Protein backbone atom coordinates (compact mmCIF):
# COMPACT_ATOMS: atom_id res chain seq x y z
CA MET A 1 44.78 64.95 65.04
CA PHE A 2 45.76 61.66 63.39
CA ARG A 3 43.75 60.04 60.63
CA THR A 4 42.05 56.75 61.30
CA LEU A 5 41.74 54.18 58.56
CA GLY A 6 38.07 53.33 58.20
CA GLY A 7 35.93 51.02 56.10
CA GLY A 8 36.12 53.35 53.09
CA ASP A 9 39.93 53.38 52.78
CA LEU A 10 41.75 51.38 50.16
CA ALA A 11 44.23 48.66 50.95
CA THR A 12 47.34 48.08 48.86
CA ASN A 13 45.60 45.55 46.66
CA GLY A 14 42.87 48.02 45.70
CA THR A 15 40.14 46.43 47.81
CA LYS A 16 38.39 48.11 50.68
CA ALA A 17 39.70 47.27 54.15
CA THR A 18 38.59 47.83 57.71
CA HIS A 19 41.65 48.48 59.82
CA PRO A 20 40.83 51.32 62.25
CA HIS A 21 43.40 52.66 64.70
CA SER A 22 45.59 55.75 65.10
CA VAL A 23 49.29 55.98 64.42
CA THR A 24 49.87 56.19 68.19
CA GLU A 25 48.25 52.77 68.53
CA LEU A 26 49.89 50.94 65.64
CA CYS A 27 48.51 47.40 65.43
CA GLU A 28 50.63 44.41 66.36
CA GLU A 29 51.03 43.31 62.72
CA GLY A 30 51.92 46.85 61.67
CA ASN A 31 54.54 47.07 64.41
CA ARG A 32 56.12 43.78 63.32
CA LEU A 33 56.17 44.56 59.60
CA TYR A 34 57.49 48.11 60.04
CA ALA A 35 60.29 46.81 62.29
CA ASN A 36 61.18 44.12 59.70
CA ALA A 37 61.25 46.72 56.92
CA LEU A 38 63.60 48.90 58.95
CA ARG A 39 65.91 45.95 59.64
CA THR A 40 66.02 44.67 56.03
CA GLY A 41 65.71 48.02 54.27
CA ARG A 42 62.62 47.06 52.24
CA ILE A 43 59.51 44.84 52.24
CA SER A 44 57.33 43.40 49.50
CA ARG A 45 53.84 44.72 48.85
CA GLY A 46 52.35 41.29 49.42
CA GLU A 47 53.75 41.13 52.94
CA VAL A 48 52.06 44.35 54.06
CA GLU A 49 48.54 43.40 52.94
CA PRO A 50 47.58 42.39 56.56
CA ALA A 51 48.57 45.89 57.72
CA PRO A 52 47.27 48.52 55.25
CA CYS A 53 47.78 51.07 58.03
CA LEU A 54 51.48 51.24 57.16
CA MET A 55 50.62 52.81 53.79
CA GLU A 56 47.83 54.91 55.26
CA PHE A 57 50.24 56.48 57.74
CA ALA A 58 52.94 56.79 55.03
CA LEU A 59 55.36 54.67 57.02
CA LEU A 60 56.13 52.83 53.78
CA HIS A 61 56.50 54.21 50.24
CA PRO A 62 57.14 52.57 46.85
CA ASP A 63 60.69 51.74 45.83
CA PRO A 64 61.32 53.93 42.74
CA ASP A 65 63.59 51.26 41.28
CA ASP A 66 61.14 48.38 41.77
CA PRO A 67 57.48 49.27 42.57
CA SER A 68 56.83 45.71 43.83
CA TRP A 69 58.87 46.61 46.89
CA LEU A 70 58.21 49.20 49.59
CA LEU A 71 60.81 51.24 51.48
CA PRO A 72 60.38 52.22 55.17
CA LEU A 73 60.26 55.88 56.11
CA PRO A 74 62.94 56.51 58.77
CA PRO A 75 61.23 56.75 62.20
CA SER A 76 62.92 60.07 62.94
CA VAL A 77 61.32 61.55 59.82
CA ALA A 78 57.92 59.98 60.58
CA LEU A 79 58.03 61.35 64.14
CA ALA A 80 59.00 64.85 62.97
CA GLN A 81 56.16 64.88 60.45
CA ARG A 82 53.64 64.21 63.20
CA LEU A 83 55.17 66.39 65.91
CA ASN A 84 55.46 69.51 63.78
CA PRO A 85 51.69 70.24 63.57
CA ILE A 86 51.29 69.50 67.29
CA GLU A 87 54.09 71.89 68.19
CA ARG A 88 52.60 74.54 65.91
CA GLU A 89 49.26 74.13 67.69
CA ILE A 90 50.92 74.40 71.12
CA THR A 91 52.75 77.55 70.01
CA GLU A 92 49.50 79.04 68.78
CA HIS A 93 47.75 78.27 72.09
CA ARG A 94 50.61 79.86 74.01
CA ARG A 95 50.37 82.96 71.83
CA LEU A 96 46.62 83.08 72.42
CA SER A 97 47.04 82.68 76.22
CA ILE A 98 49.53 85.57 76.28
CA ALA A 99 47.17 87.73 74.23
CA LEU A 100 44.26 86.94 76.58
CA SER A 101 46.37 87.72 79.65
CA ASP A 102 47.40 91.05 78.14
CA ALA A 103 43.80 91.89 77.27
CA PHE A 104 42.48 91.21 80.79
CA GLU A 105 45.45 92.54 82.77
CA PRO A 106 44.06 96.12 83.04
CA PHE A 107 40.76 94.78 84.39
CA MET A 108 42.53 92.59 86.94
CA ALA A 109 44.18 95.69 88.34
CA LEU A 110 40.79 97.41 88.63
CA SER A 111 39.19 94.46 90.45
CA ALA A 112 41.99 94.48 93.03
CA GLN A 113 41.09 97.97 94.27
CA GLU A 114 39.64 98.24 97.77
CA THR A 115 36.17 99.20 96.58
CA ALA A 116 32.95 97.25 96.91
CA PRO A 117 33.06 94.68 94.10
CA ALA A 118 30.42 94.96 91.41
CA HIS A 119 29.64 91.24 91.78
CA SER A 120 29.63 91.08 95.58
CA ILE A 121 26.44 88.98 95.37
CA THR A 122 26.37 86.17 92.81
CA VAL A 123 23.38 83.89 92.17
CA LEU A 124 24.39 80.24 91.75
CA GLU A 125 21.88 77.91 90.07
CA GLY A 126 21.95 74.11 90.13
CA LEU A 127 23.92 71.74 92.32
CA ASN A 128 26.80 71.56 89.85
CA GLY A 129 27.24 75.33 89.80
CA ILE A 130 26.92 75.60 93.58
CA ASN A 131 29.39 72.77 94.21
CA ALA A 132 31.87 74.22 91.71
CA ALA A 133 31.83 77.58 93.50
CA LEU A 134 32.17 75.86 96.89
CA ASP A 135 35.06 73.74 95.63
CA LEU A 136 36.88 76.84 94.38
CA ALA A 137 36.34 78.78 97.62
CA THR A 138 37.43 75.90 99.85
CA SER A 139 40.49 75.18 97.71
CA GLN A 140 41.53 78.82 98.18
CA CYS A 141 40.71 78.92 101.91
CA GLN A 142 43.88 79.53 103.95
CA THR A 143 42.94 80.14 107.59
CA GLU A 144 39.41 79.15 108.69
CA MET A 145 36.13 77.79 107.40
CA LEU A 146 32.89 78.20 109.38
CA THR A 147 29.89 76.02 108.52
CA VAL A 148 26.34 75.63 109.76
CA GLN A 149 24.85 72.27 108.77
CA PRO A 150 21.21 71.68 109.74
CA SER A 151 20.11 68.08 109.73
CA GLY A 152 18.25 66.77 106.71
CA HIS A 153 16.75 63.56 105.42
CA ARG A 154 17.81 63.62 101.74
CA SER A 155 20.80 61.53 100.62
CA PRO A 156 22.87 62.24 103.77
CA GLU A 157 25.57 59.77 102.70
CA ASN A 158 26.19 61.65 99.45
CA ARG A 159 26.33 65.01 101.21
CA LEU A 160 28.77 63.69 103.82
CA LEU A 161 30.98 62.19 101.12
CA GLU A 162 31.06 65.52 99.28
CA ALA A 163 31.88 67.32 102.53
CA LEU A 164 34.66 64.85 103.32
CA GLU A 165 36.21 65.39 99.88
CA ARG A 166 36.24 69.15 100.56
CA ASP A 167 37.18 69.21 104.24
CA LYS A 168 39.92 66.59 104.37
CA PRO A 169 42.40 68.46 102.13
CA MET A 170 41.70 71.71 104.03
CA ALA A 171 42.39 70.11 107.41
CA GLU A 172 45.56 68.51 106.09
CA ARG A 173 46.95 71.88 105.03
CA GLY A 174 46.20 73.42 108.44
CA VAL A 175 42.92 75.26 107.86
CA ARG A 176 40.79 75.53 111.01
CA ILE A 177 37.25 74.20 110.55
CA ARG A 178 34.36 74.90 112.91
CA THR A 179 30.99 73.27 112.23
CA LEU A 180 27.62 73.65 113.92
CA TYR A 181 25.09 70.80 113.87
CA GLN A 182 21.78 70.32 115.62
CA HIS A 183 21.67 68.15 118.73
CA THR A 184 20.05 65.38 116.69
CA ALA A 185 23.36 64.90 114.84
CA ARG A 186 24.67 63.21 118.01
CA TYR A 187 22.45 60.23 117.25
CA ASN A 188 23.26 59.96 113.54
CA PRO A 189 25.82 57.13 112.98
CA ASP A 190 26.83 58.46 109.54
CA ARG A 191 27.45 61.92 110.96
CA LEU A 192 29.48 60.56 113.87
CA ALA A 193 31.54 58.39 111.50
CA TYR A 194 32.25 61.49 109.41
CA VAL A 195 33.39 63.44 112.48
CA ASP A 196 35.71 60.58 113.46
CA GLN A 197 37.66 61.23 110.25
CA PHE A 198 39.00 64.42 111.85
CA ALA A 199 41.04 63.97 115.00
CA ASP A 200 43.05 67.18 114.56
CA GLY A 201 42.40 69.93 117.11
CA LYS A 202 41.91 72.42 114.28
CA VAL A 203 38.59 70.75 113.44
CA GLU A 204 35.82 71.44 115.99
CA TYR A 205 32.18 70.40 116.12
CA ARG A 206 29.39 71.71 118.33
CA THR A 207 25.65 71.16 118.45
CA ILE A 208 22.72 73.40 119.29
CA ASP A 209 19.00 72.71 119.51
CA GLU A 210 17.84 74.78 116.51
CA LEU A 211 19.46 75.99 113.29
CA VAL A 212 17.76 77.94 110.54
CA GLU A 213 19.70 77.25 107.32
CA ARG A 214 23.01 76.19 105.88
CA LEU A 215 25.94 78.57 105.89
CA VAL A 216 29.54 78.30 104.70
CA ILE A 217 32.12 81.06 105.29
CA CYS A 218 35.73 80.90 104.08
CA ASP A 219 38.43 83.17 105.53
CA GLU A 220 35.76 85.77 106.45
CA THR A 221 35.80 86.87 102.80
CA VAL A 222 33.17 84.75 101.03
CA ALA A 223 29.95 83.17 102.30
CA PHE A 224 27.39 80.82 100.75
CA ILE A 225 23.71 80.63 101.71
CA PRO A 226 20.78 78.79 100.06
CA ILE A 227 17.80 80.87 98.95
CA ARG A 228 15.38 78.09 98.03
CA ASP A 229 14.07 75.17 100.07
CA ASP A 230 15.24 72.61 97.48
CA ARG A 231 18.76 74.12 97.71
CA GLN A 232 19.01 74.36 93.92
CA VAL A 233 19.74 78.09 94.13
CA ALA A 234 22.30 79.74 96.40
CA LEU A 235 24.00 83.09 96.89
CA GLU A 236 27.74 83.61 96.89
CA LEU A 237 28.38 86.68 99.05
CA ARG A 238 31.62 88.66 98.87
CA HIS A 239 30.41 91.98 100.25
CA PRO A 240 32.61 92.61 103.32
CA GLY A 241 29.74 93.99 105.41
CA LEU A 242 27.45 91.04 104.70
CA VAL A 243 30.17 88.49 105.36
CA ARG A 244 31.15 90.16 108.66
CA TYR A 245 27.50 90.12 109.75
CA LEU A 246 27.20 86.39 109.01
CA VAL A 247 30.42 85.71 110.92
CA LYS A 248 28.89 87.47 113.97
CA VAL A 249 25.73 85.36 113.61
CA PHE A 250 27.86 82.22 113.53
CA GLU A 251 29.88 83.28 116.61
CA PHE A 252 26.64 84.03 118.49
CA MET A 253 25.39 80.49 117.86
CA TRP A 254 28.82 78.95 118.46
CA GLY A 255 29.01 80.48 121.93
CA ARG A 256 25.68 78.87 122.87
CA ALA A 257 26.43 75.47 121.37
CA VAL A 258 27.69 72.33 123.10
CA PRO A 259 30.98 70.68 122.04
CA LEU A 260 30.22 67.35 120.41
CA SER A 261 32.70 65.71 122.79
CA ALA A 262 30.81 67.00 125.87
CA GLY A 263 28.19 64.26 125.82
CA THR A 264 24.44 64.56 125.42
CA PRO A 265 22.90 68.01 125.93
CA TYR A 266 19.47 66.50 126.54
CA GLU A 267 19.45 66.87 130.31
CA THR A 268 16.28 66.19 132.25
CA ASP A 269 14.86 68.74 134.68
CA PRO A 270 13.38 67.66 138.01
CA ASP A 271 9.96 68.04 136.38
CA GLY A 272 10.88 65.30 133.90
CA ILE A 273 11.07 67.63 130.88
CA THR A 274 14.18 67.37 128.73
CA ASP A 275 15.99 70.19 127.02
CA ILE A 276 14.73 69.18 123.58
CA GLN A 277 11.18 69.19 124.93
CA HIS A 278 11.72 72.75 126.20
CA SER A 279 12.65 73.69 122.63
CA ILE A 280 9.55 71.94 121.28
CA ALA A 281 7.37 73.64 123.89
CA LYS A 282 8.63 77.08 122.84
CA LEU A 283 7.82 76.36 119.18
CA LEU A 284 4.40 74.93 120.07
CA VAL A 285 3.45 78.09 121.94
CA GLU A 286 4.60 80.13 118.93
CA GLY A 287 2.03 78.23 116.86
CA HIS A 288 4.25 75.99 114.73
CA VAL A 289 2.85 72.70 113.43
CA ASP A 290 4.60 69.38 114.01
CA GLU A 291 6.25 69.30 110.56
CA ALA A 292 7.73 72.80 110.99
CA ILE A 293 9.00 71.98 114.50
CA ALA A 294 10.63 68.77 113.29
CA ARG A 295 12.30 70.59 110.40
CA ARG A 296 13.66 73.37 112.59
CA LEU A 297 15.02 70.96 115.19
CA GLY A 298 16.48 68.53 112.66
CA MET A 299 14.39 65.46 113.49
CA ASN A 300 11.72 63.47 111.72
CA VAL A 301 8.06 64.16 112.43
CA ARG A 302 7.52 60.84 114.24
CA THR A 303 10.28 61.62 116.75
CA CYS A 304 8.92 65.13 117.21
CA ARG A 305 5.44 63.80 117.98
CA ALA A 306 6.88 61.29 120.45
CA HIS A 307 8.51 64.19 122.34
CA ILE A 308 5.24 66.14 122.24
CA ALA A 309 3.45 63.13 123.72
CA LYS A 310 6.02 62.90 126.54
CA LEU A 311 5.68 66.63 127.15
CA ALA A 312 1.90 66.26 127.36
CA THR A 313 2.27 63.39 129.84
CA ALA A 314 4.69 65.37 132.02
CA LEU A 315 2.30 68.34 132.16
CA GLY A 316 -0.87 66.23 132.47
CA SER A 317 -2.37 67.48 129.21
CA GLY A 318 -5.28 65.69 127.58
CA SER A 319 -5.36 67.63 124.31
CA ARG A 320 -3.19 69.71 122.01
CA ALA A 321 -5.04 72.90 122.90
CA GLN A 322 -4.70 72.21 126.62
CA LEU A 323 -0.99 71.47 126.16
CA GLY A 324 -0.32 74.99 124.91
CA PHE A 325 -2.22 76.43 127.87
CA LEU A 326 -0.35 74.24 130.37
CA ILE A 327 3.02 75.15 128.86
CA ALA A 328 2.25 78.85 129.26
CA GLN A 329 0.80 78.34 132.79
CA SER A 330 3.78 76.28 133.99
CA GLY A 331 6.19 79.15 133.47
CA MET A 332 8.71 76.75 131.97
CA LEU A 333 9.44 79.12 129.10
CA LYS A 334 10.28 81.94 131.49
CA GLN A 335 13.10 79.92 133.03
CA ASP A 336 16.63 80.28 131.74
CA HIS A 337 17.32 76.99 130.01
CA SER A 338 20.48 78.22 128.34
CA ALA A 339 22.46 75.61 130.28
CA HIS A 340 20.62 72.97 128.30
CA GLY A 341 21.52 74.61 124.97
CA GLY A 342 25.18 75.00 125.77
CA ALA A 343 25.68 78.39 127.47
CA GLY A 344 28.39 78.04 130.02
CA HIS A 345 30.32 75.59 127.83
CA PRO A 346 33.61 76.86 126.49
């Protein structure tokens, strides 16, 4: 907008000078000399040599009666000269914004109709694009946000910080937030510290033994789900039928989850087998390997294998193959262990 005096500009004495700054950041010497010129009515050319910017910005001009002197341009005139192009640009932008609004107004009316939107499923690529869409949806959320957050082992601090930046403003404006974690979240200090940030009754947390994938639903109108393991691609869903289905899935899990404030859900049966080991046993019989079991239950592989070893000891198994047989023979999977997973809790 404003010219900057560079190394190729000429000073008043005809030599090249380096004196770069904008008129909005007039140098200290320029400020002093311009103020003196205004007070005295004129200033000699020799005096302004340390501040060639005054001539560059046309704040001084030659005295027609005596060219060895310079006259100051009144500040009101200098200001008007610089404001006029800015105001013209603002006026042009306003005109353009009105024209754009008029051009898109008919389409806005069409999109408001109660028909299935053409873009009810949007593919979001890259973390920046996904986070931008999430930020927009959460900023517009008015009543309730539902989230499913499986445990992970990649930069949990960064993810929790991002979640805090989104959730805190929502809670402060009265939006209800319900979040589902896996039971392993109860033993994650970072996760517990995050939960402690929300003491309001409108924010609720529950845990369950197994979660499949992440899910975010805002006001039962828009949902977000990942579609790739690296979570670099997600879907933004606005189809009413799909969103209602996902809400029902969330409520099904919520009803079987344990409030985070209810204490540990890992109760031990008389046979010495804990609830988490019942979950591992079920997945073992289904044929899942240790890595898959750990991922589905939100724990690391070492912890998973430690539970498998305890399960083997409790059942008297000497091998992995025998363990599957003993689990099936014990009948433990036929029992109703819903109490361990949270059924019966409000």
